[in-house]
């Protein structure tokens, strides 16, 4: 996950879900939906930042619970590093 403060009054999300890492389009779409939903829950606590979520090749083997736990850890790190925590 990449994050940077912005000059807007709200946070934004970008997704870079590579076909190279996750072969099936249904799996990519499921992960995108999961990330967007997770972002909606957290965006009010993030402040004014831009986030880009990148996937690695291990993502296709991970369970939904593992991805959710990973996202929570990343959101906490973003909050701390961008000063919105």
Protein backbone atom coordinates (compact mmCIF):
# COMPACT_ATOMS: atom_id res chain seq x y z
CA UNK A 1 0.00 0.00 0.00
CA UNK A 2 1.23 3.44 -0.92
CA UNK A 3 -0.13 6.54 0.77
CA UNK A 4 0.44 10.26 0.62
CA UNK A 5 -1.34 13.26 2.10
CA UNK A 6 -3.42 15.31 -0.31
CA UNK A 7 -4.73 18.86 -0.28
CA UNK A 8 -8.37 17.81 -0.44
CA UNK A 9 -10.78 17.37 2.46
CA UNK A 10 -11.28 13.66 1.83
CA UNK A 11 -9.34 10.48 1.17
CA UNK A 12 -9.14 8.69 -2.17
CA UNK A 13 -8.40 5.12 -3.16
CA UNK A 14 -6.55 3.67 -6.14
CA UNK A 15 -6.26 -0.01 -6.98
CA UNK A 16 -3.49 -1.76 -8.90
CA UNK A 17 -4.61 -5.37 -9.11
CA UNK A 18 -2.34 -6.99 -11.69
CA UNK A 19 -3.54 -9.76 -13.97
CA UNK A 20 -0.02 -11.12 -13.71
CA UNK A 21 -0.50 -11.76 -9.98
CA UNK A 22 -4.15 -12.83 -9.90
CA UNK A 23 -5.10 -14.75 -13.03
CA UNK A 24 -8.89 -15.06 -12.78
CA UNK A 25 -10.95 -11.93 -13.33
CA UNK A 26 -13.54 -13.09 -10.79
CA UNK A 27 -10.83 -13.31 -8.13
CA UNK A 28 -9.50 -9.85 -9.06
CA UNK A 29 -12.99 -8.38 -8.87
CA UNK A 30 -13.68 -10.05 -5.52
CA UNK A 31 -10.46 -8.59 -4.09
CA UNK A 32 -11.29 -5.15 -5.49
CA UNK A 33 -14.75 -5.23 -3.89
CA UNK A 34 -13.23 -6.32 -0.59
CA UNK A 35 -10.64 -3.52 -0.65
CA UNK A 36 -13.23 -0.88 -1.57
CA UNK A 37 -15.56 -1.98 1.24
CA UNK A 38 -12.71 -2.02 3.73
CA UNK A 39 -11.68 1.48 2.57
CA UNK A 40 -15.25 2.78 3.00
CA UNK A 41 -15.18 1.67 6.62
CA UNK A 42 -11.80 3.32 7.28
CA UNK A 43 -11.86 6.46 5.15
CA UNK A 44 -13.36 8.67 7.85
CA UNK A 45 -10.45 7.86 10.14
CA UNK A 46 -7.75 8.28 7.50
CA UNK A 47 -8.04 12.00 6.92
CA UNK A 48 -7.01 13.62 3.63
CA UNK A 49 -4.77 11.03 2.00
CA UNK A 50 -4.45 9.25 -1.31
CA UNK A 51 -3.97 5.48 -1.07
CA UNK A 52 -2.97 3.03 -3.75
CA UNK A 53 -3.35 -0.66 -2.94
CA UNK A 54 -1.04 -3.00 -4.81
CA UNK A 55 -1.24 -6.77 -4.91
CA UNK A 56 1.54 -9.31 -4.79
CA UNK A 57 1.58 -12.79 -6.20
CA UNK A 58 0.80 -14.29 -2.75
CA UNK A 59 -2.60 -12.57 -2.75
CA UNK A 60 -4.17 -15.23 -4.97
CA UNK A 61 -3.37 -17.94 -2.38
CA UNK A 62 -4.59 -15.93 0.64
CA UNK A 63 -7.95 -16.44 2.29
CA UNK A 64 -10.46 -13.65 2.71
CA UNK A 65 -9.70 -13.43 6.42
CA UNK A 66 -5.95 -13.13 5.74
CA UNK A 67 -6.55 -10.31 3.28
CA UNK A 68 -8.79 -8.47 5.74
CA UNK A 69 -6.19 -8.78 8.52
CA UNK A 70 -3.49 -7.54 6.15
CA UNK A 71 -5.60 -4.55 5.13
CA UNK A 72 -6.27 -3.65 8.77
CA UNK A 73 -2.53 -3.69 9.47
CA UNK A 74 -1.86 -1.52 6.44
CA UNK A 75 -4.57 1.00 7.41
CA UNK A 76 -3.07 1.29 10.90
CA UNK A 77 0.38 1.92 9.42
CA UNK A 78 -1.04 4.55 7.07
CA UNK A 79 -2.81 6.30 9.96
CA UNK A 80 0.40 6.42 11.98
CA UNK A 81 2.70 7.49 9.15
CA UNK A 82 0.37 10.11 7.69
CA UNK A 83 -0.48 11.57 11.09
CA UNK A 84 -4.22 10.95 11.04
CA UNK A 85 -4.22 8.53 13.97
